[in-house]
């Protein structure tokens, strides 16, 4: 199966390309990037064709594309791919507005192609096991959840609102909200958030605390931030604490690591665990073969809806209802 990548603007493009190269049933058939200085060297690294215009890539004999452009450009690239009859894996957040997400979903539906949202944390083995335990009723009825997604400020276009649509709250809310929706099978009904900028000089949010009410009376909080400094041993974390009527679960998705102390480098993490991006890319290839995406455009849209509600709540200092 031939897969292309549109834009190396997002750092995940590299890991997705690496994952594609490891598959036996798919190949990286081309990279398109309007920044030749950025995309060209990556095309050489991965020994594939380079295009400065994504439309040229879409004209090739490929089955699907991975969209890893700036958030604001997702809509243009996804809809163009749909019209070209190419299946799409789109980086999160799916879009910078719910309206755009609806148009992207509809375009893919009209043209009969898959739209999958890139939520790799679902392919972490600890998260998979937690999902199994919850479905088996091991902790009873879920009552409350507490999550964190605290990382480093990525800089670049991520801190330019016109390109990203938001800072840490947009970047990190969508991951954990998707996991919470997946584990509970419930939608968020109301969001209250406090959002600010404390960890950098860039005029964009780098921290936020969300309180969410889900269906069936489930409450959840989320600490989403770019609070990790440059010398922190890892880029960030994804953790969850889940309180049920019959027990509790604690998950640290990135705790598959060794703690290494040396005279030369001080304290470091040596990660040995799951490559969630490999699981994501393999699932996209499988979805094209089977004709059904395990993580849909609708999943991406729901997560964006919560992030946008959080921004609105922080502005008006009141809870904001969600739901289309």
C-alpha atoms as a PDB file:
ATOM      1  CA  UNK A   1       0.000   0.000   0.000  1.00  0.00           C
ATOM      2  CA  UNK A   2       1.327   3.425  -0.953  1.00  0.00           C
ATOM      3  CA  UNK A   3       0.983   6.234   1.609  1.00  0.00           C
ATOM      4  CA  UNK A   4       2.082   9.877   1.301  1.00  0.00           C
ATOM      5  CA  UNK A   5       2.705  12.584   3.887  1.00  0.00           C
ATOM      6  CA  UNK A   6       1.514  16.164   3.465  1.00  0.00           C
ATOM      7  CA  UNK A   7       3.860  18.573   5.299  1.00  0.00           C
ATOM      8  CA  UNK A   8       6.554  18.003   7.889  1.00  0.00           C
ATOM      9  CA  UNK A   9       5.408  21.039   9.880  1.00  0.00           C
ATOM     10  CA  UNK A  10       4.420  18.829  12.827  1.00  0.00           C
ATOM     11  CA  UNK A  11       7.174  16.912  14.622  1.00  0.00           C
ATOM     12  CA  UNK A  12       5.063  13.744  14.581  1.00  0.00           C
ATOM     13  CA  UNK A  13       5.591  13.520  10.812  1.00  0.00           C
ATOM     14  CA  UNK A  14       9.055  12.103  11.413  1.00  0.00           C
ATOM     15  CA  UNK A  15       7.860   9.332  13.716  1.00  0.00           C
ATOM     16  CA  UNK A  16       4.962   8.508  11.383  1.00  0.00           C
ATOM     17  CA  UNK A  17       7.353   8.246   8.434  1.00  0.00           C
ATOM     18  CA  UNK A  18       9.662   6.049  10.516  1.00  0.00           C
ATOM     19  CA  UNK A  19       6.726   3.820  11.443  1.00  0.00           C
ATOM     20  CA  UNK A  20       5.713   3.494   7.793  1.00  0.00           C
ATOM     21  CA  UNK A  21       9.226   2.393   6.860  1.00  0.00           C
ATOM     22  CA  UNK A  22       8.984  -0.467   9.367  1.00  0.00           C
ATOM     23  CA  UNK A  23       5.774  -1.912   7.923  1.00  0.00           C
ATOM     24  CA  UNK A  24       5.908  -4.866   5.554  1.00  0.00           C
ATOM     25  CA  UNK A  25       2.575  -4.087   3.888  1.00  0.00           C
ATOM     26  CA  UNK A  26       2.933  -0.339   3.211  1.00  0.00           C
ATOM     27  CA  UNK A  27       5.479   2.117   1.811  1.00  0.00           C
ATOM     28  CA  UNK A  28       6.095   5.842   2.105  1.00  0.00           C
ATOM     29  CA  UNK A  29       5.476   6.835  -1.506  1.00  0.00           C
ATOM     30  CA  UNK A  30       6.078  10.576  -1.264  1.00  0.00           C
ATOM     31  CA  UNK A  31       6.379  13.692   0.880  1.00  0.00           C
ATOM     32  CA  UNK A  32       4.865  17.069  -0.007  1.00  0.00           C
ATOM     33  CA  UNK A  33       5.887  20.264   1.749  1.00  0.00           C
ATOM     34  CA  UNK A  34       5.654  23.869   0.575  1.00  0.00           C
ATOM     35  CA  UNK A  35       8.844  24.501   2.566  1.00  0.00           C
ATOM     36  CA  UNK A  36      11.463  22.734   0.442  1.00  0.00           C
ATOM     37  CA  UNK A  37      14.186  23.418   2.996  1.00  0.00           C
ATOM     38  CA  UNK A  38      12.121  21.484   5.545  1.00  0.00           C
ATOM     39  CA  UNK A  39      10.537  18.713   3.492  1.00  0.00           C
ATOM     40  CA  UNK A  40      13.330  18.061   0.994  1.00  0.00           C
ATOM     41  CA  UNK A  41      15.898  16.709   3.480  1.00  0.00           C
ATOM     42  CA  UNK A  42      13.267  14.438   5.036  1.00  0.00           C
ATOM     43  CA  UNK A  43      12.440  13.015   1.612  1.00  0.00           C
ATOM     44  CA  UNK A  44      16.146  12.176   1.236  1.00  0.00           C
ATOM     45  CA  UNK A  45      16.264  10.695   4.727  1.00  0.00           C
ATOM     46  CA  UNK A  46      13.343   8.394   3.990  1.00  0.00           C
ATOM     47  CA  UNK A  47      14.391   7.737   0.385  1.00  0.00           C
ATOM     48  CA  UNK A  48      11.141   8.874  -1.194  1.00  0.00           C
ATOM     49  CA  UNK A  49       9.856  11.342  -3.783  1.00  0.00           C
ATOM     50  CA  UNK A  50       9.545  15.006  -2.801  1.00  0.00           C
ATOM     51  CA  UNK A  51       6.871  17.435  -4.015  1.00  0.00           C
ATOM     52  CA  UNK A  52       6.670  21.155  -3.259  1.00  0.00           C
ATOM     53  CA  UNK A  53       2.943  21.138  -4.074  1.00  0.00           C
ATOM     54  CA  UNK A  54       0.709  18.704  -2.202  1.00  0.00           C
ATOM     55  CA  UNK A  55      -1.598  18.553  -5.214  1.00  0.00           C
ATOM     56  CA  UNK A  56       1.145  16.759  -7.147  1.00  0.00           C
ATOM     57  CA  UNK A  57       1.358  14.148  -4.420  1.00  0.00           C
ATOM     58  CA  UNK A  58      -2.413  13.656  -4.529  1.00  0.00           C
ATOM     59  CA  UNK A  59      -2.205  13.014  -8.277  1.00  0.00           C
ATOM     60  CA  UNK A  60       0.028   9.993  -7.691  1.00  0.00           C
ATOM     61  CA  UNK A  61      -1.073   6.375  -7.437  1.00  0.00           C
ATOM     62  CA  UNK A  62      -1.368   6.299  -3.647  1.00  0.00           C
ATOM     63  CA  UNK A  63      -4.076   4.947  -1.357  1.00  0.00           C
ATOM     64  CA  UNK A  64      -3.818   7.376   1.515  1.00  0.00           C
ATOM     65  CA  UNK A  65      -2.118  10.410   3.027  1.00  0.00           C
ATOM     66  CA  UNK A  66      -1.040  11.486   6.474  1.00  0.00           C
ATOM     67  CA  UNK A  67      -1.703  15.181   7.101  1.00  0.00           C
ATOM     68  CA  UNK A  68       0.804  16.712   9.515  1.00  0.00           C
ATOM     69  CA  UNK A  69       0.634  20.356   8.473  1.00  0.00           C
ATOM     70  CA  UNK A  70      -0.032  23.368  10.695  1.00  0.00           C
ATOM     71  CA  UNK A  71      -3.408  22.999  12.437  1.00  0.00           C
ATOM     72  CA  UNK A  72      -5.063  25.762  10.427  1.00  0.00           C
ATOM     73  CA  UNK A  73      -4.135  23.989   7.163  1.00  0.00           C
ATOM     74  CA  UNK A  74      -5.695  20.634   8.062  1.00  0.00           C
ATOM     75  CA  UNK A  75      -9.033  21.524   6.497  1.00  0.00           C
ATOM     76  CA  UNK A  76      -7.565  22.450   3.112  1.00  0.00           C
ATOM     77  CA  UNK A  77      -5.369  19.363   2.945  1.00  0.00           C
ATOM     78  CA  UNK A  78      -7.986  16.889   4.166  1.00  0.00           C
ATOM     79  CA  UNK A  79     -10.695  18.117   1.807  1.00  0.00           C
ATOM     80  CA  UNK A  80      -8.271  18.109  -1.142  1.00  0.00           C
ATOM     81  CA  UNK A  81      -7.260  14.537  -0.305  1.00  0.00           C
ATOM     82  CA  UNK A  82     -10.908  13.486  -0.048  1.00  0.00           C
ATOM     83  CA  UNK A  83     -11.683  14.958  -3.462  1.00  0.00           C
ATOM     84  CA  UNK A  84      -8.698  13.077  -4.857  1.00  0.00           C
ATOM     85  CA  UNK A  85     -10.082   9.835  -3.445  1.00  0.00           C
ATOM     86  CA  UNK A  86      -7.307   9.362  -0.885  1.00  0.00           C
ATOM     87  CA  UNK A  87      -7.915   8.044   2.617  1.00  0.00           C
ATOM     88  CA  UNK A  88      -6.717  10.404   5.362  1.00  0.00           C
ATOM     89  CA  UNK A  89      -5.014  10.188   8.728  1.00  0.00           C
ATOM     90  CA  UNK A  90      -5.058  13.739  10.142  1.00  0.00           C
ATOM     91  CA  UNK A  91      -2.885  14.950  12.986  1.00  0.00           C
ATOM     92  CA  UNK A  92      -4.639  16.227  16.081  1.00  0.00           C
ATOM     93  CA  UNK A  93      -6.278  18.620  16.697  1.00  0.00           C
ATOM     94  CA  UNK A  94      -8.418  17.701  13.710  1.00  0.00           C
ATOM     95  CA  UNK A  95      -9.212  21.376  13.076  1.00  0.00           C
ATOM     96  CA  UNK A  96      -9.274  24.773  14.737  1.00  0.00           C
ATOM     97  CA  UNK A  97     -13.090  25.045  14.680  1.00  0.00           C
ATOM     98  CA  UNK A  98     -16.031  22.691  14.903  1.00  0.00           C
ATOM     99  CA  UNK A  99     -17.391  24.112  11.636  1.00  0.00           C
ATOM    100  CA  UNK A 100     -14.212  23.148   9.800  1.00  0.00           C
ATOM    101  CA  UNK A 101     -14.295  19.677  11.346  1.00  0.00           C
ATOM    102  CA  UNK A 102     -17.870  19.144  10.155  1.00  0.00           C
ATOM    103  CA  UNK A 103     -16.893  20.158   6.615  1.00  0.00           C
ATOM    104  CA  UNK A 104     -13.886  17.818   6.655  1.00  0.00           C
ATOM    105  CA  UNK A 105     -15.965  14.895   7.885  1.00  0.00           C
ATOM    106  CA  UNK A 106     -18.663  15.544   5.300  1.00  0.00           C
ATOM    107  CA  UNK A 107     -16.149  15.842   2.441  1.00  0.00           C
ATOM    108  CA  UNK A 108     -14.612  12.481   3.318  1.00  0.00           C
ATOM    109  CA  UNK A 109     -18.042  10.919   3.629  1.00  0.00           C
ATOM    110  CA  UNK A 110     -19.167  12.298   0.259  1.00  0.00           C
ATOM    111  CA  UNK A 111     -16.081  10.977  -1.506  1.00  0.00           C
ATOM    112  CA  UNK A 112     -16.097   7.609   0.222  1.00  0.00           C
ATOM    113  CA  UNK A 113     -12.749   7.856   1.990  1.00  0.00           C
ATOM    114  CA  UNK A 114     -11.712   7.218   5.583  1.00  0.00           C
ATOM    115  CA  UNK A 115     -10.943  10.123   7.893  1.00  0.00           C
ATOM    116  CA  UNK A 116      -8.984   8.929  10.922  1.00  0.00           C
ATOM    117  CA  UNK A 117      -7.782  11.267  13.677  1.00  0.00           C
ATOM    118  CA  UNK A 118      -4.246  10.758  15.005  1.00  0.00           C
ATOM    119  CA  UNK A 119      -4.715   9.811  18.658  1.00  0.00           C
ATOM    120  CA  UNK A 120      -1.779   7.424  19.249  1.00  0.00           C
ATOM    121  CA  UNK A 121      -2.290   7.148  23.027  1.00  0.00           C
ATOM    122  CA  UNK A 122      -5.069   4.636  22.327  1.00  0.00           C
ATOM    123  CA  UNK A 123      -2.306   2.280  21.178  1.00  0.00           C
ATOM    124  CA  UNK A 124      -0.354   2.416  24.428  1.00  0.00           C
ATOM    125  CA  UNK A 125      -0.486  -1.066  25.990  1.00  0.00           C
ATOM    126  CA  UNK A 126      -1.360   0.241  29.457  1.00  0.00           C
ATOM    127  CA  UNK A 127      -4.289   2.211  28.040  1.00  0.00           C
ATOM    128  CA  UNK A 128      -5.460  -0.855  26.118  1.00  0.00           C
ATOM    129  CA  UNK A 129      -5.356  -2.908  29.330  1.00  0.00           C
ATOM    130  CA  UNK A 130      -7.248  -0.212  31.253  1.00  0.00           C
ATOM    131  CA  UNK A 131      -9.944  -0.197  28.562  1.00  0.00           C
ATOM    132  CA  UNK A 132     -10.262  -3.980  28.911  1.00  0.00           C
ATOM    133  CA  UNK A 133     -10.524  -3.772  32.717  1.00  0.00           C
ATOM    134  CA  UNK A 134     -13.186  -1.071  32.555  1.00  0.00           C
ATOM    135  CA  UNK A 135     -15.187  -3.010  29.962  1.00  0.00           C
ATOM    136  CA  UNK A 136     -14.928  -6.098  32.170  1.00  0.00           C
ATOM    137  CA  UNK A 137     -16.457  -4.127  35.068  1.00  0.00           C
ATOM    138  CA  UNK A 138     -13.373  -4.498  37.253  1.00  0.00           C
ATOM    139  CA  UNK A 139     -13.790  -1.105  38.926  1.00  0.00           C
ATOM    140  CA  UNK A 140     -17.566  -0.862  38.671  1.00  0.00           C
ATOM    141  CA  UNK A 141     -19.223   2.341  37.512  1.00  0.00           C
ATOM    142  CA  UNK A 142     -16.842   5.196  36.723  1.00  0.00           C
ATOM    143  CA  UNK A 143     -17.438   8.162  39.023  1.00  0.00           C
ATOM    144  CA  UNK A 144     -14.538  10.541  38.386  1.00  0.00           C
ATOM    145  CA  UNK A 145     -11.263  10.943  36.507  1.00  0.00           C
ATOM    146  CA  UNK A 146      -8.170  13.108  36.816  1.00  0.00           C
ATOM    147  CA  UNK A 147      -5.758  13.489  33.924  1.00  0.00           C
ATOM    148  CA  UNK A 148      -2.556  15.307  33.067  1.00  0.00           C
ATOM    149  CA  UNK A 149      -0.797  16.098  29.812  1.00  0.00           C
ATOM    150  CA  UNK A 150       2.152  18.319  30.703  1.00  0.00           C
ATOM    151  CA  UNK A 151       4.823  18.848  28.079  1.00  0.00           C
ATOM    152  CA  UNK A 152       7.445  21.217  26.751  1.00  0.00           C
ATOM    153  CA  UNK A 153       6.629  24.319  24.745  1.00  0.00           C
ATOM    154  CA  UNK A 154       7.246  23.251  21.114  1.00  0.00           C
ATOM    155  CA  UNK A 155       7.739  26.837  19.898  1.00  0.00           C
ATOM    156  CA  UNK A 156       7.581  27.693  16.194  1.00  0.00           C
ATOM    157  CA  UNK A 157       4.148  27.863  14.627  1.00  0.00           C
ATOM    158  CA  UNK A 158       2.620  26.201  17.701  1.00  0.00           C
ATOM    159  CA  UNK A 159       2.801  29.547  19.517  1.00  0.00           C
ATOM    160  CA  UNK A 160       1.332  31.496  16.595  1.00  0.00           C
ATOM    161  CA  UNK A 161      -2.420  31.517  17.176  1.00  0.00           C
ATOM    162  CA  UNK A 162      -3.184  32.174  13.514  1.00  0.00           C
ATOM    163  CA  UNK A 163      -1.560  28.836  12.611  1.00  0.00           C
ATOM    164  CA  UNK A 164      -2.243  26.702  15.689  1.00  0.00           C
ATOM    165  CA  UNK A 165      -5.672  27.889  16.827  1.00  0.00           C
ATOM    166  CA  UNK A 166      -4.496  27.873  20.435  1.00  0.00           C
ATOM    167  CA  UNK A 167      -1.642  26.977  22.739  1.00  0.00           C
ATOM    168  CA  UNK A 168      -1.252  24.219  25.309  1.00  0.00           C
ATOM    169  CA  UNK A 169      -4.987  23.839  25.876  1.00  0.00           C
ATOM    170  CA  UNK A 170      -5.622  23.210  22.191  1.00  0.00           C
ATOM    171  CA  UNK A 171      -2.515  21.026  21.845  1.00  0.00           C
ATOM    172  CA  UNK A 172      -2.961  18.827  24.916  1.00  0.00           C
ATOM    173  CA  UNK A 173      -6.665  18.784  25.783  1.00  0.00           C
ATOM    174  CA  UNK A 174      -7.629  16.768  22.733  1.00  0.00           C
ATOM    175  CA  UNK A 175      -5.400  13.770  23.595  1.00  0.00           C
ATOM    176  CA  UNK A 176      -6.726  13.173  27.095  1.00  0.00           C
ATOM    177  CA  UNK A 177     -10.338  14.048  26.282  1.00  0.00           C
ATOM    178  CA  UNK A 178     -10.250  11.425  23.531  1.00  0.00           C
ATOM    179  CA  UNK A 179      -8.944   8.813  25.978  1.00  0.00           C
ATOM    180  CA  UNK A 180     -11.597   9.744  28.542  1.00  0.00           C
ATOM    181  CA  UNK A 181     -14.349   9.481  25.910  1.00  0.00           C
ATOM    182  CA  UNK A 182     -12.949   6.149  24.713  1.00  0.00           C
ATOM    183  CA  UNK A 183     -12.709   4.640  28.190  1.00  0.00           C
ATOM    184  CA  UNK A 184     -16.140   5.773  29.360  1.00  0.00           C
ATOM    185  CA  UNK A 185     -18.144   5.728  26.148  1.00  0.00           C
ATOM    186  CA  UNK A 186     -19.594   9.056  27.297  1.00  0.00           C
ATOM    187  CA  UNK A 187     -19.597  12.587  25.896  1.00  0.00           C
ATOM    188  CA  UNK A 188     -18.565  15.765  27.700  1.00  0.00           C
ATOM    189  CA  UNK A 189     -21.597  17.893  28.523  1.00  0.00           C
ATOM    190  CA  UNK A 190     -20.065  20.908  30.280  1.00  0.00           C
ATOM    191  CA  UNK A 191     -16.631  22.489  30.669  1.00  0.00           C
ATOM    192  CA  UNK A 192     -15.232  25.007  33.118  1.00  0.00           C
ATOM    193  CA  UNK A 193     -11.653  26.151  32.580  1.00  0.00           C
ATOM    194  CA  UNK A 194      -9.015  28.519  33.877  1.00  0.00           C
ATOM    195  CA  UNK A 195      -6.322  29.273  31.293  1.00  0.00           C
ATOM    196  CA  UNK A 196      -3.238  31.473  31.381  1.00  0.00           C
ATOM    197  CA  UNK A 197       0.380  31.906  30.311  1.00  0.00           C
ATOM    198  CA  UNK A 198       3.001  31.403  33.028  1.00  0.00           C
ATOM    199  CA  UNK A 199       5.959  29.447  31.675  1.00  0.00           C
ATOM    200  CA  UNK A 200       7.156  31.453  28.674  1.00  0.00           C
ATOM    201  CA  UNK A 201       7.182  34.930  27.174  1.00  0.00           C
ATOM    202  CA  UNK A 202       5.059  33.945  24.173  1.00  0.00           C
ATOM    203  CA  UNK A 203       1.602  35.586  24.114  1.00  0.00           C
ATOM    204  CA  UNK A 204      -0.334  32.297  23.984  1.00  0.00           C
ATOM    205  CA  UNK A 205      -1.739  29.996  26.633  1.00  0.00           C
ATOM    206  CA  UNK A 206       0.755  27.548  28.099  1.00  0.00           C
ATOM    207  CA  UNK A 207      -1.299  26.200  31.011  1.00  0.00           C
ATOM    208  CA  UNK A 208      -4.868  25.337  31.839  1.00  0.00           C
ATOM    209  CA  UNK A 209      -7.044  23.425  34.285  1.00  0.00           C
ATOM    210  CA  UNK A 210     -10.281  21.981  32.926  1.00  0.00           C
ATOM    211  CA  UNK A 211     -13.189  20.615  34.924  1.00  0.00           C
ATOM    212  CA  UNK A 212     -15.586  18.569  32.821  1.00  0.00           C
ATOM    213  CA  UNK A 213     -18.932  16.947  33.411  1.00  0.00           C
ATOM    214  CA  UNK A 214     -19.595  13.888  31.280  1.00  0.00           C
ATOM    215  CA  UNK A 215     -22.799  12.022  30.690  1.00  0.00           C
ATOM    216  CA  UNK A 216     -24.062   9.859  33.579  1.00  0.00           C
ATOM    217  CA  UNK A 217     -22.702  12.336  36.122  1.00  0.00           C
ATOM    218  CA  UNK A 218     -19.018  11.524  35.614  1.00  0.00           C
ATOM    219  CA  UNK A 219     -16.698  14.374  36.606  1.00  0.00           C
ATOM    220  CA  UNK A 220     -13.146  14.854  35.359  1.00  0.00           C
ATOM    221  CA  UNK A 221     -10.295  17.311  35.672  1.00  0.00           C
ATOM    222  CA  UNK A 222      -7.393  17.835  33.293  1.00  0.00           C
ATOM    223  CA  UNK A 223      -4.080  19.626  33.801  1.00  0.00           C
ATOM    224  CA  UNK A 224      -2.878  20.489  30.282  1.00  0.00           C
ATOM    225  CA  UNK A 225       0.240  22.590  29.985  1.00  0.00           C
ATOM    226  CA  UNK A 226       3.597  23.321  28.392  1.00  0.00           C
ATOM    227  CA  UNK A 227       5.159  23.450  31.850  1.00  0.00           C
ATOM    228  CA  UNK A 228       8.159  21.149  31.338  1.00  0.00           C
ATOM    229  CA  UNK A 229      11.464  22.974  31.015  1.00  0.00           C
ATOM    230  CA  UNK A 230      14.103  22.181  28.400  1.00  0.00           C
ATOM    231  CA  UNK A 231      16.211  20.109  30.813  1.00  0.00           C
ATOM    232  CA  UNK A 232      13.316  17.909  31.989  1.00  0.00           C
ATOM    233  CA  UNK A 233      14.143  14.205  31.394  1.00  0.00           C
ATOM    234  CA  UNK A 234      11.266  13.743  28.953  1.00  0.00           C
ATOM    235  CA  UNK A 235       9.015  15.933  26.823  1.00  0.00           C
ATOM    236  CA  UNK A 236       5.996  15.407  29.092  1.00  0.00           C
ATOM    237  CA  UNK A 237       3.427  12.945  30.366  1.00  0.00           C
ATOM    238  CA  UNK A 238       0.004  11.406  29.906  1.00  0.00           C
ATOM    239  CA  UNK A 239      -1.489  10.183  33.181  1.00  0.00           C
ATOM    240  CA  UNK A 240      -4.937   9.200  34.385  1.00  0.00           C
ATOM    241  CA  UNK A 241      -6.514   8.358  37.722  1.00  0.00           C
ATOM    242  CA  UNK A 242      -9.932   6.744  37.440  1.00  0.00           C
ATOM    243  CA  UNK A 243     -12.258   6.348  40.415  1.00  0.00           C
ATOM    244  CA  UNK A 244     -14.933   3.678  40.131  1.00  0.00           C
ATOM    245  CA  UNK A 245     -17.645   2.425  42.452  1.00  0.00           C
ATOM    246  CA  UNK A 246     -15.655  -0.791  43.041  1.00  0.00           C
ATOM    247  CA  UNK A 247     -12.053   0.351  42.724  1.00  0.00           C
ATOM    248  CA  UNK A 248      -9.535   2.760  41.260  1.00  0.00           C
ATOM    249  CA  UNK A 249      -6.987   2.710  38.438  1.00  0.00           C
ATOM    250  CA  UNK A 250      -3.825   4.782  37.987  1.00  0.00           C
ATOM    251  CA  UNK A 251      -2.097   4.963  34.600  1.00  0.00           C
ATOM    252  CA  UNK A 252       1.134   6.587  33.477  1.00  0.00           C
ATOM    253  CA  UNK A 253       1.307   5.986  29.731  1.00  0.00           C
ATOM    254  CA  UNK A 254       4.974   6.988  29.486  1.00  0.00           C
ATOM    255  CA  UNK A 255       6.316   5.168  32.545  1.00  0.00           C
ATOM    256  CA  UNK A 256       7.877   2.378  30.473  1.00  0.00           C
ATOM    257  CA  UNK A 257      11.355   3.690  31.205  1.00  0.00           C
ATOM    258  CA  UNK A 258      14.520   3.310  33.222  1.00  0.00           C
ATOM    259  CA  UNK A 259      15.825   6.040  35.540  1.00  0.00           C
ATOM    260  CA  UNK A 260      19.450   6.666  34.597  1.00  0.00           C
ATOM    261  CA  UNK A 261      21.890   8.727  36.709  1.00  0.00           C
ATOM    262  CA  UNK A 262      25.347   9.591  35.359  1.00  0.00           C
ATOM    263  CA  UNK A 263      28.120  12.022  36.276  1.00  0.00           C
ATOM    264  CA  UNK A 264      28.157  13.363  32.728  1.00  0.00           C
ATOM    265  CA  UNK A 265      24.440  13.948  32.126  1.00  0.00           C
ATOM    266  CA  UNK A 266      22.856  13.835  35.562  1.00  0.00           C
ATOM    267  CA  UNK A 267      19.372  12.332  35.625  1.00  0.00           C
ATOM    268  CA  UNK A 268      17.804  11.015  32.413  1.00  0.00           C
ATOM    269  CA  UNK A 269      15.030   8.685  31.328  1.00  0.00           C
ATOM    270  CA  UNK A 270      15.815   5.718  29.102  1.00  0.00           C
ATOM    271  CA  UNK A 271      12.552   4.760  27.408  1.00  0.00           C
ATOM    272  CA  UNK A 272      12.085   1.097  26.478  1.00  0.00           C
ATOM    273  CA  UNK A 273       8.327   0.907  25.965  1.00  0.00           C
ATOM    274  CA  UNK A 274       5.601   1.074  23.346  1.00  0.00           C
ATOM    275  CA  UNK A 275       5.939   3.042  20.139  1.00  0.00           C
ATOM    276  CA  UNK A 276       2.386   4.382  20.063  1.00  0.00           C
ATOM    277  CA  UNK A 277       2.957   6.016  16.680  1.00  0.00           C
ATOM    278  CA  UNK A 278       3.783   2.624  15.168  1.00  0.00           C
ATOM    279  CA  UNK A 279       0.467   1.317  16.473  1.00  0.00           C
ATOM    280  CA  UNK A 280      -1.357   4.318  15.031  1.00  0.00           C
ATOM    281  CA  UNK A 281       0.177   4.010  11.558  1.00  0.00           C
ATOM    282  CA  UNK A 282      -0.411   0.255  11.439  1.00  0.00           C
ATOM    283  CA  UNK A 283      -4.056   0.876  12.372  1.00  0.00           C
ATOM    284  CA  UNK A 284      -4.437   3.427   9.558  1.00  0.00           C
ATOM    285  CA  UNK A 285      -3.120   0.961   6.978  1.00  0.00           C
ATOM    286  CA  UNK A 286      -5.413  -1.711   8.413  1.00  0.00           C
ATOM    287  CA  UNK A 287      -8.357   0.708   8.336  1.00  0.00           C
ATOM    288  CA  UNK A 288      -7.830   1.360   4.625  1.00  0.00           C
ATOM    289  CA  UNK A 289      -7.807  -2.381   3.951  1.00  0.00           C
ATOM    290  CA  UNK A 290     -10.916  -2.999   6.065  1.00  0.00           C
ATOM    291  CA  UNK A 291     -12.771   0.175   5.096  1.00  0.00           C
ATOM    292  CA  UNK A 292     -13.388   1.409   8.642  1.00  0.00           C
ATOM    293  CA  UNK A 293     -11.433   3.823  10.856  1.00  0.00           C
ATOM    294  CA  UNK A 294     -11.053   2.856  14.546  1.00  0.00           C
ATOM    295  CA  UNK A 295     -10.642   6.530  15.511  1.00  0.00           C
ATOM    296  CA  UNK A 296     -12.919   8.672  13.398  1.00  0.00           C
ATOM    297  CA  UNK A 297     -13.186  12.260  12.304  1.00  0.00           C
ATOM    298  CA  UNK A 298     -16.101  12.550  14.706  1.00  0.00           C
ATOM    299  CA  UNK A 299     -13.772  11.558  17.561  1.00  0.00           C
ATOM    300  CA  UNK A 300     -11.406  14.332  16.524  1.00  0.00           C
ATOM    301  CA  UNK A 301     -14.244  16.840  16.283  1.00  0.00           C
ATOM    302  CA  UNK A 302     -15.573  16.026  19.773  1.00  0.00           C
ATOM    303  CA  UNK A 303     -12.152  16.583  21.297  1.00  0.00           C
ATOM    304  CA  UNK A 304     -11.776  19.930  19.498  1.00  0.00           C
ATOM    305  CA  UNK A 305     -15.224  20.926  20.718  1.00  0.00           C
ATOM    306  CA  UNK A 306     -14.119  20.461  24.334  1.00  0.00           C
ATOM    307  CA  UNK A 307     -10.922  22.480  23.832  1.00  0.00           C
ATOM    308  CA  UNK A 308     -12.846  25.349  22.252  1.00  0.00           C
ATOM    309  CA  UNK A 309     -15.426  25.254  25.055  1.00  0.00           C
ATOM    310  CA  UNK A 310     -12.546  25.531  27.535  1.00  0.00           C
ATOM    311  CA  UNK A 311     -11.289  28.707  25.851  1.00  0.00           C
ATOM    312  CA  UNK A 312     -14.790  30.177  25.884  1.00  0.00           C
ATOM    313  CA  UNK A 313     -15.244  29.278  29.544  1.00  0.00           C
ATOM    314  CA  UNK A 314     -11.956  30.956  30.480  1.00  0.00           C
ATOM    315  CA  UNK A 315     -13.035  34.108  28.647  1.00  0.00           C
ATOM    316  CA  UNK A 316     -16.475  34.418  30.247  1.00  0.00           C
ATOM    317  CA  UNK A 317     -15.470  32.783  33.584  1.00  0.00           C
ATOM    318  CA  UNK A 318     -18.467  30.471  33.523  1.00  0.00           C
ATOM    319  CA  UNK A 319     -19.139  26.833  32.629  1.00  0.00           C
ATOM    320  CA  UNK A 320     -19.880  26.235  28.933  1.00  0.00           C
ATOM    321  CA  UNK A 321     -22.180  23.533  27.629  1.00  0.00           C
ATOM    322  CA  UNK A 322     -20.937  21.297  24.812  1.00  0.00           C
ATOM    323  CA  UNK A 323     -22.780  19.168  22.283  1.00  0.00           C
ATOM    324  CA  UNK A 324     -23.646  19.843  18.662  1.00  0.00           C
END
